[in-house]
Amino acid sequence: MGMGATPNRPVYIVGAVRSAVGRRKGGHAGTHPADLGGHVVAALLERRGLGGDAGAAVDDVIFGCVSQIGAQSTNIARIVALSAGLPESVPGTTVDRQCGSSQQAVHFAAQAIMSGDQDLVVAGGVEVMTRIPIASSAVVGAEHGMGMPREGGLWAERYGDREISQFRGAQLIADHWDIPRTEMEAFALSSHARAVAAREKGLFDEEIVEVNGLARDEGPRADTTAEKMAGLEPLSEGGTLTAAVSSQISDGAAALLLASAEAVERHGLSPLATVRARAVVGSDPVMMLTGPIPATEKVLAKAGLAAGDVELYEVNEAFAPVVLAWQRETGVGADRTNLLGGAIALGHPLGATGARLMTSLVHHMRRTGASYGLQTMCEGGGMANATILERV
């Protein structure tokens, strides 16, 4: 229980782990989402001396998941908590803020701790896209496409009959910012090169929990080339977007442990970083994926920082033009952005990606001595989360 309703208490990240990210039909294809998330949460707590009955100290488990149907339905967070071996007294709740679901889970956990309501919260996410492909819930509902009504009603009164999809939004961004296909492919090639280098150097080893024998990210391709990318067909007629400049369909889970100062002391925990500032914004739902630009501005203002004060940025690579447009607007260069590769190479297991990015960011901040890290990601429906971490 919370130790008192003291507002704006500091929030510490005291643990961050993830599964390796599996390719579609890869190493996690046969793993139930609750088991994948359960293995990660169990390892997170065991590494902090909170396994078994000691897990009763956890006030809540908040997990992101986008396609909450089938094996991922019925409040997957609660099922993950029980699968992880947590005492039955520990509750769980599931968040859907589209691709930012697990980043939002971290925000909710931080807010609960800041308010004094809770002291120790697990925040993370899971998505096994092999079992439940993208937009499965929309197909089941048959009324929406990518989370947006297709026709009729109040939506049509506001936005007409314009096509709504993340793929179209990414193409609109490429067109609006005049980002040529060659630039997008060069960005994608760099993502693979950075991810392969990080994997081969063992930079992800500390943060990865082996699940069912998979301990290395399956997505990064050492053999991809500019020539191979140039040979791919566009995703739409007359477009410049291809599969090579898009995030990979993937399976994965990630989890962080957030704590108040009282919980840090009580359980002998070692802080890795503080959650310095959080922001969430809405943006044009037709272009859809531009939200990271205003979200970055908003979170920097909240933290009282300038873009140049932040050494490490993680901007989710849903599509290459999302990051490239963000760089043009913020002035942040490639030398500070996605240094370990991004979702184009490492994959994008939707509801888990926010926590995966934050896990990698926390560990890389510790490794490099960076004072600040900023994470942001675009989201279906035209939204974006942004978070600034400060190294302890």
Protein backbone atom coordinates (compact mmCIF):
# COMPACT_ATOMS: atom_id res chain seq x y z
CA MET A 1 0.00 0.00 0.00
CA GLY A 2 1.06 3.61 -0.47
CA MET A 3 2.94 5.27 2.37
CA GLY A 4 1.03 8.52 2.12
CA ALA A 5 -0.47 10.92 -0.37
CA THR A 6 2.63 13.05 -0.88
CA PRO A 7 2.33 14.53 -4.39
CA ASN A 8 5.14 14.41 -6.94
CA ARG A 9 7.27 11.86 -5.13
CA PRO A 10 10.31 10.75 -7.16
CA VAL A 11 9.80 7.59 -9.22
CA TYR A 12 12.71 5.21 -9.68
CA ILE A 13 13.19 2.51 -12.30
CA VAL A 14 14.86 -0.28 -10.36
CA GLY A 15 14.70 -3.07 -12.92
CA ALA A 16 14.17 -3.50 -16.66
CA VAL A 17 14.18 -6.74 -18.62
CA ARG A 18 12.73 -8.10 -21.81
CA SER A 19 12.49 -11.16 -23.95
CA ALA A 20 14.42 -11.38 -27.15
CA VAL A 21 12.21 -10.14 -29.98
CA GLY A 22 11.11 -13.02 -32.17
CA ARG A 23 10.31 -12.82 -35.85
CA ARG A 24 6.83 -13.71 -37.08
CA LYS A 25 6.61 -17.51 -36.92
CA GLY A 26 9.97 -17.49 -35.14
CA GLY A 27 11.22 -18.53 -31.73
CA HIS A 28 8.22 -17.27 -29.74
CA ALA A 29 5.53 -18.42 -32.18
CA GLY A 30 4.49 -21.35 -30.00
CA THR A 31 4.59 -19.45 -26.71
CA HIS A 32 1.35 -18.30 -25.10
CA PRO A 33 1.39 -14.52 -24.49
CA ALA A 34 0.72 -15.03 -20.78
CA ASP A 35 3.72 -17.36 -20.54
CA LEU A 36 5.97 -15.00 -22.49
CA GLY A 37 4.99 -12.09 -20.25
CA GLY A 38 5.07 -14.31 -17.17
CA HIS A 39 8.65 -15.43 -17.76
CA VAL A 40 9.77 -11.81 -18.17
CA VAL A 41 7.97 -10.55 -15.05
CA ALA A 42 9.21 -13.49 -12.96
CA ALA A 43 12.81 -12.79 -14.02
CA LEU A 44 12.39 -9.06 -13.35
CA LEU A 45 11.32 -9.71 -9.76
CA GLU A 46 13.75 -12.54 -9.07
CA ARG A 47 16.66 -10.34 -10.15
CA ARG A 48 15.54 -7.80 -7.53
CA GLY A 49 15.01 -10.27 -4.72
CA LEU A 50 11.23 -10.08 -4.99
CA GLY A 51 10.46 -13.55 -6.28
CA GLY A 52 7.98 -15.90 -4.64
CA ASP A 53 6.10 -14.62 -1.60
CA ALA A 54 8.19 -11.43 -1.59
CA GLY A 55 6.25 -10.44 -4.71
CA ALA A 56 3.32 -9.58 -2.45
CA ALA A 57 5.00 -6.18 -2.09
CA VAL A 58 4.03 -5.38 -5.69
CA ASP A 59 1.01 -3.09 -5.68
CA ASP A 60 -0.05 -3.62 -9.30
CA VAL A 61 0.93 -5.06 -12.67
CA ILE A 62 0.10 -2.75 -15.59
CA PHE A 63 0.65 -4.28 -19.02
CA GLY A 64 0.18 -2.92 -22.51
CA CYS A 65 -1.37 -5.06 -25.22
CA VAL A 66 -2.96 -3.88 -28.47
CA SER A 67 -4.84 -6.88 -29.86
CA GLN A 68 -6.80 -7.95 -26.81
CA ILE A 69 -8.56 -10.94 -28.31
CA GLY A 70 -8.04 -14.68 -28.16
CA ALA A 71 -4.96 -15.58 -26.13
CA GLN A 72 -4.44 -11.90 -25.31
CA SER A 73 -7.97 -11.21 -24.10
CA THR A 74 -9.60 -11.14 -20.67
CA ASN A 75 -7.13 -8.75 -19.01
CA ILE A 76 -3.84 -10.34 -20.05
CA ALA A 77 -2.01 -8.33 -17.35
CA ARG A 78 -3.74 -10.27 -14.58
CA ILE A 79 -3.00 -13.57 -16.28
CA VAL A 80 0.64 -12.55 -16.77
CA ALA A 81 0.91 -11.69 -13.06
CA LEU A 82 -0.42 -15.09 -12.02
CA SER A 83 1.69 -16.89 -14.63
CA ALA A 84 4.74 -15.12 -13.21
CA GLY A 85 4.04 -16.71 -9.83
CA LEU A 86 3.01 -13.51 -8.10
CA PRO A 87 0.76 -13.98 -5.08
CA GLU A 88 -2.94 -13.89 -5.90
CA SER A 89 -3.23 -10.68 -3.88
CA VAL A 90 -1.39 -8.74 -6.65
CA PRO A 91 -3.82 -7.28 -9.21
CA GLY A 92 -3.26 -6.44 -12.87
CA THR A 93 -4.77 -4.24 -15.54
CA THR A 94 -4.28 -4.00 -19.31
CA VAL A 95 -3.71 -0.81 -21.30
CA ASP A 96 -4.40 -0.08 -24.96
CA ARG A 97 -2.85 3.10 -26.28
CA GLN A 98 -2.02 1.35 -29.52
CA CYS A 99 1.74 1.15 -30.18
CA GLY A 100 2.45 3.20 -27.06
CA SER A 101 0.55 0.85 -24.75
CA SER A 102 3.45 -0.27 -22.58
CA GLN A 103 5.02 3.19 -22.52
CA GLN A 104 1.65 4.38 -21.22
CA ALA A 105 1.76 1.55 -18.68
CA VAL A 106 5.00 3.06 -17.36
CA HIS A 107 3.33 6.47 -17.19
CA PHE A 108 0.38 5.09 -15.24
CA ALA A 109 2.74 3.29 -12.86
CA ALA A 110 4.77 6.45 -12.33
CA GLN A 111 1.64 8.47 -11.68
CA ALA A 112 0.41 5.96 -9.09
CA ILE A 113 3.72 6.18 -7.25
CA MET A 114 3.93 9.98 -7.51
CA SER A 115 0.45 10.32 -6.03
CA GLY A 116 1.31 8.16 -3.02
CA ASP A 117 -1.29 5.53 -3.91
CA GLN A 118 1.31 2.85 -4.62
CA ASP A 119 5.00 2.16 -3.99
CA LEU A 120 6.04 -0.75 -6.20
CA VAL A 121 4.55 -1.35 -9.65
CA VAL A 122 5.43 -3.62 -12.56
CA ALA A 123 4.84 -1.93 -15.92
CA GLY A 124 5.34 -3.62 -19.26
CA GLY A 125 3.68 -5.19 -22.23
CA VAL A 126 3.32 -8.25 -24.42
CA GLU A 127 2.28 -9.01 -27.98
CA VAL A 128 2.54 -12.28 -29.88
CA MET A 129 1.69 -11.13 -33.38
CA THR A 130 2.26 -14.58 -34.85
CA ARG A 131 -0.86 -15.75 -33.04
CA ILE A 132 -2.81 -12.51 -33.30
CA PRO A 133 -1.86 -10.43 -36.35
CA ILE A 134 -2.07 -6.65 -36.54
CA ALA A 135 -5.63 -5.25 -36.67
CA SER A 136 -7.13 -8.61 -35.64
CA SER A 137 -9.47 -6.92 -33.20
CA ALA A 138 -10.60 -4.50 -35.91
CA VAL A 139 -11.34 -7.39 -38.26
CA VAL A 140 -13.34 -9.18 -35.58
CA GLY A 141 -15.36 -6.03 -34.92
CA ALA A 142 -15.90 -5.51 -38.68
CA GLU A 143 -16.75 -1.88 -37.98
CA HIS A 144 -13.35 -0.27 -37.78
CA GLY A 145 -10.11 -0.14 -39.71
CA MET A 146 -6.85 0.42 -37.76
CA GLY A 147 -9.01 1.57 -34.86
CA MET A 148 -10.93 4.16 -36.88
CA PRO A 149 -14.54 3.98 -38.15
CA ARG A 150 -14.63 3.48 -41.90
CA GLU A 151 -17.89 5.21 -42.73
CA GLY A 152 -20.94 6.97 -41.39
CA GLY A 153 -21.82 8.72 -38.15
CA LEU A 154 -20.03 11.49 -36.34
CA TRP A 155 -16.61 10.40 -37.60
CA ALA A 156 -17.68 10.90 -41.20
CA GLU A 157 -19.07 14.30 -40.36
CA ARG A 158 -15.64 15.36 -39.11
CA TYR A 159 -13.22 13.53 -41.43
CA GLY A 160 -15.29 12.50 -44.41
CA ASP A 161 -14.42 9.34 -46.28
CA ARG A 162 -10.64 9.71 -46.20
CA GLU A 163 -8.72 6.44 -46.01
CA ILE A 164 -7.42 5.77 -42.51
CA SER A 165 -4.41 3.50 -42.06
CA GLN A 166 -0.94 3.70 -40.59
CA PHE A 167 0.53 2.75 -43.97
CA ARG A 168 -1.19 5.68 -45.66
CA GLY A 169 -0.20 7.96 -42.79
CA ALA A 170 3.45 7.01 -43.23
CA GLN A 171 3.23 7.68 -46.96
CA LEU A 172 1.60 11.06 -46.31
CA ILE A 173 4.50 11.93 -43.99
CA ALA A 174 7.06 10.95 -46.61
CA ASP A 175 5.24 13.11 -49.14
CA HIS A 176 4.72 16.08 -46.82
CA TRP A 177 8.36 16.23 -45.70
CA ASP A 178 9.63 15.31 -49.17
CA ILE A 179 11.56 12.29 -47.90
CA PRO A 180 12.76 10.24 -50.89
CA ARG A 181 12.77 6.46 -50.96
CA THR A 182 16.57 6.38 -51.07
CA GLU A 183 16.78 8.30 -47.79
CA MET A 184 14.27 5.99 -46.12
CA GLU A 185 16.19 2.93 -47.29
CA ALA A 186 19.50 4.35 -46.10
CA PHE A 187 17.88 4.89 -42.69
CA ALA A 188 16.57 1.31 -42.64
CA LEU A 189 19.96 -0.07 -43.63
CA SER A 190 21.54 1.86 -40.76
CA SER A 191 18.96 0.46 -38.34
CA HIS A 192 19.94 -3.10 -39.27
CA ALA A 193 23.65 -2.30 -39.08
CA ARG A 194 23.32 -0.74 -35.64
CA ALA A 195 21.15 -3.57 -34.30
CA VAL A 196 23.48 -6.25 -35.67
CA ALA A 197 26.50 -4.49 -34.14
CA ALA A 198 24.76 -4.13 -30.76
CA ARG A 199 23.71 -7.77 -30.80
CA GLU A 200 27.15 -9.03 -31.75
CA LYS A 201 28.81 -6.88 -29.08
CA GLY A 202 26.47 -8.36 -26.48
CA LEU A 203 24.92 -5.00 -25.63
CA PHE A 204 21.47 -6.55 -25.25
CA ASP A 205 22.58 -9.57 -23.22
CA GLU A 206 22.07 -8.02 -19.79
CA GLU A 207 18.50 -6.98 -20.50
CA ILE A 208 17.28 -10.15 -22.24
CA VAL A 209 15.58 -13.01 -20.42
CA GLU A 210 15.90 -16.30 -22.28
CA VAL A 211 12.45 -17.77 -22.95
CA ASN A 212 12.11 -21.25 -24.44
CA GLY A 213 15.68 -21.14 -25.73
CA LEU A 214 15.44 -17.79 -27.49
CA ALA A 215 18.03 -15.37 -26.12
CA ARG A 216 18.93 -13.25 -29.18
CA ASP A 217 16.80 -10.89 -31.24
CA GLU A 218 15.83 -12.57 -34.49
CA GLY A 219 15.02 -9.49 -36.57
CA PRO A 220 18.32 -7.78 -37.42
CA ARG A 221 19.65 -8.80 -40.83
CA ALA A 222 23.39 -8.70 -41.39
CA ASP A 223 22.95 -9.62 -45.05
CA THR A 224 20.55 -6.90 -46.13
CA THR A 225 21.79 -4.39 -48.70
CA ALA A 226 20.68 -1.19 -50.39
CA GLU A 227 20.32 -3.15 -53.61
CA LYS A 228 17.92 -5.65 -52.02
CA MET A 229 15.83 -2.84 -50.55
CA ALA A 230 15.71 -1.00 -53.87
CA GLY A 231 14.27 -4.09 -55.54
CA LEU A 232 11.16 -4.32 -53.35
CA GLU A 233 7.72 -3.36 -54.60
CA PRO A 234 6.01 -0.36 -52.93
CA LEU A 235 3.22 -1.07 -50.44
CA SER A 236 0.84 1.08 -52.49
CA GLU A 237 0.59 1.94 -56.17
CA GLY A 238 2.70 4.99 -56.90
CA GLY A 239 4.03 5.07 -53.31
CA THR A 240 7.58 5.02 -51.99
CA LEU A 241 7.04 2.98 -48.83
CA THR A 242 8.15 -0.67 -48.87
CA ALA A 243 8.40 -3.47 -46.33
CA ALA A 244 12.11 -2.64 -45.94
CA VAL A 245 11.37 0.76 -44.40
CA SER A 246 8.59 -0.55 -42.14
CA SER A 247 8.76 -2.14 -38.71
CA GLN A 248 8.77 -5.93 -38.54
CA ILE A 249 5.83 -8.01 -37.34
CA SER A 250 7.19 -9.56 -34.15
CA ASP A 251 6.60 -11.35 -30.86
CA GLY A 252 7.93 -10.13 -27.52
CA ALA A 253 7.46 -8.96 -23.96
CA ALA A 254 9.20 -6.48 -21.66
CA ALA A 255 8.75 -5.25 -18.10
CA LEU A 256 10.11 -2.59 -15.77
CA LEU A 257 9.91 -2.30 -12.00
CA LEU A 258 9.09 1.17 -10.71
CA ALA A 259 9.48 2.15 -7.07
CA SER A 260 9.08 5.02 -4.65
CA ALA A 261 11.99 6.13 -2.46
CA GLU A 262 10.35 4.32 0.46
CA ALA A 263 10.17 1.06 -1.51
CA VAL A 264 13.78 1.45 -2.64
CA GLU A 265 14.89 1.68 0.97
CA ARG A 266 12.55 -0.98 2.31
CA HIS A 267 13.53 -3.62 -0.25
CA GLY A 268 17.18 -2.68 -0.72
CA LEU A 269 16.73 -1.82 -4.39
CA SER A 270 19.28 -0.07 -6.61
CA PRO A 271 17.79 2.70 -8.79
CA LEU A 272 18.82 2.81 -12.44
CA ALA A 273 17.01 6.00 -13.43
CA THR A 274 14.21 8.33 -12.44
CA VAL A 275 11.17 9.10 -14.56
CA ARG A 276 11.87 12.81 -15.01
CA ALA A 277 8.87 13.81 -17.17
CA ARG A 278 5.97 12.30 -19.11
CA ALA A 279 3.72 13.60 -21.86
CA VAL A 280 1.02 12.31 -24.17
CA VAL A 281 -0.52 14.18 -27.10
CA GLY A 282 -3.08 13.76 -29.83
CA SER A 283 -2.31 14.52 -33.48
CA ASP A 284 -3.97 14.38 -36.89
CA PRO A 285 -5.58 10.90 -37.09
CA VAL A 286 -5.33 10.84 -40.89
CA MET A 287 -1.60 11.50 -41.14
CA MET A 288 -1.67 9.68 -37.79
CA LEU A 289 2.04 9.23 -37.04
CA THR A 290 3.32 12.79 -36.50
CA GLY A 291 2.61 12.84 -32.75
CA PRO A 292 6.23 12.29 -31.63
CA ILE A 293 7.08 15.80 -32.87
CA PRO A 294 4.74 17.74 -30.50
CA ALA A 295 5.17 15.09 -27.78
CA THR A 296 8.92 15.69 -27.75
CA GLU A 297 8.43 19.43 -27.48
CA LYS A 298 5.92 19.00 -24.67
CA VAL A 299 7.99 16.60 -22.57
CA LEU A 300 11.15 18.70 -22.94
CA ALA A 301 9.23 21.75 -21.71
CA LYS A 302 7.88 19.77 -18.75
CA ALA A 303 11.40 18.69 -17.81
CA GLY A 304 12.85 22.17 -18.31
CA LEU A 305 15.32 20.82 -20.85
CA ALA A 306 16.36 21.66 -24.40
CA ALA A 307 16.75 19.04 -27.11
CA GLY A 308 20.52 19.43 -26.89
CA ASP A 309 20.53 18.46 -23.20
CA VAL A 310 19.43 14.89 -23.99
CA GLU A 311 22.20 12.53 -25.07
CA LEU A 312 20.13 9.50 -26.10
CA TYR A 313 16.85 9.35 -28.01
CA GLU A 314 14.66 6.36 -28.80
CA VAL A 315 12.06 7.16 -31.47
CA ASN A 316 10.06 4.12 -32.47
CA GLU A 317 10.70 3.08 -36.05
CA ALA A 318 7.14 2.24 -37.01
CA PHE A 319 8.17 3.48 -40.46
CA ALA A 320 11.34 5.24 -41.53
CA PRO A 321 9.62 8.53 -42.49
CA VAL A 322 8.22 8.88 -38.96
CA VAL A 323 11.73 9.18 -37.51
CA LEU A 324 13.14 11.18 -40.41
CA ALA A 325 10.36 13.78 -40.20
CA TRP A 326 10.85 13.94 -36.42
CA GLN A 327 14.58 14.57 -36.92
CA ARG A 328 13.92 17.37 -39.38
CA GLU A 329 11.53 19.11 -37.00
CA THR A 330 13.54 18.64 -33.79
CA GLY A 331 17.05 19.04 -35.20
CA VAL A 332 18.21 15.92 -33.35
CA GLY A 333 20.76 14.05 -35.44
CA ALA A 334 21.39 10.40 -36.16
CA ASP A 335 24.32 10.51 -33.73
CA ARG A 336 21.85 10.58 -30.82
CA THR A 337 18.88 8.68 -32.25
CA ASN A 338 18.25 4.93 -32.07
CA LEU A 339 21.92 4.09 -31.63
CA LEU A 340 21.16 0.40 -31.07
CA GLY A 341 18.88 0.11 -34.08
CA GLY A 342 15.10 0.26 -33.97
CA ALA A 343 11.90 -1.53 -34.88
CA ILE A 344 12.80 -1.76 -38.57
CA ALA A 345 15.57 -4.15 -37.52
CA LEU A 346 14.63 -5.34 -34.06
CA GLY A 347 10.89 -5.66 -34.64
CA HIS A 348 7.75 -4.08 -33.24
CA PRO A 349 5.68 -6.40 -31.02
CA LEU A 350 3.05 -3.64 -30.66
CA GLY A 351 1.99 -3.63 -27.00
CA ALA A 352 5.47 -4.61 -25.80
CA THR A 353 7.51 -2.13 -27.82
CA GLY A 354 7.26 0.85 -25.44
CA ALA A 355 8.67 -1.20 -22.57
CA ARG A 356 11.25 -2.81 -24.88
CA LEU A 357 12.51 0.60 -25.96
CA MET A 358 12.64 1.85 -22.37
CA THR A 359 14.44 -1.26 -21.18
CA SER A 360 17.13 -0.83 -23.84
CA LEU A 361 17.32 2.92 -23.16
CA VAL A 362 17.80 2.48 -19.40
CA HIS A 363 20.61 -0.02 -19.89
CA HIS A 364 22.32 2.07 -22.57
CA MET A 365 22.17 5.15 -20.35
CA ARG A 366 23.92 3.21 -17.60
CA ARG A 367 26.48 1.85 -20.05
CA THR A 368 27.34 5.21 -21.62
CA GLY A 369 26.91 7.47 -18.59
CA ALA A 370 24.26 9.56 -20.36
CA SER A 371 22.41 11.89 -18.01
CA TYR A 372 19.16 12.00 -19.96
CA GLY A 373 17.28 9.74 -22.34
CA LEU A 374 14.09 10.58 -24.22
CA GLN A 375 11.71 8.01 -25.67
CA THR A 376 8.78 8.74 -27.95
CA MET A 377 6.57 6.76 -30.27
CA CYS A 378 3.73 7.30 -32.70
CA GLU A 379 0.42 5.55 -32.09
CA GLY A 380 -2.65 4.47 -34.02
CA GLY A 381 -5.44 7.02 -34.04
CA GLY A 382 -3.01 9.94 -34.05
CA MET A 383 -1.32 10.04 -30.63
CA ALA A 384 2.15 9.85 -29.10
CA ASN A 385 3.76 9.31 -25.73
CA ALA A 386 7.07 10.81 -24.67
CA THR A 387 9.14 10.09 -21.59
CA ILE A 388 12.36 11.58 -20.25
CA LEU A 389 14.54 9.45 -17.99
CA GLU A 390 17.35 10.78 -15.82
CA ARG A 391 20.18 8.46 -14.85
CA VAL A 392 20.70 8.01 -11.11
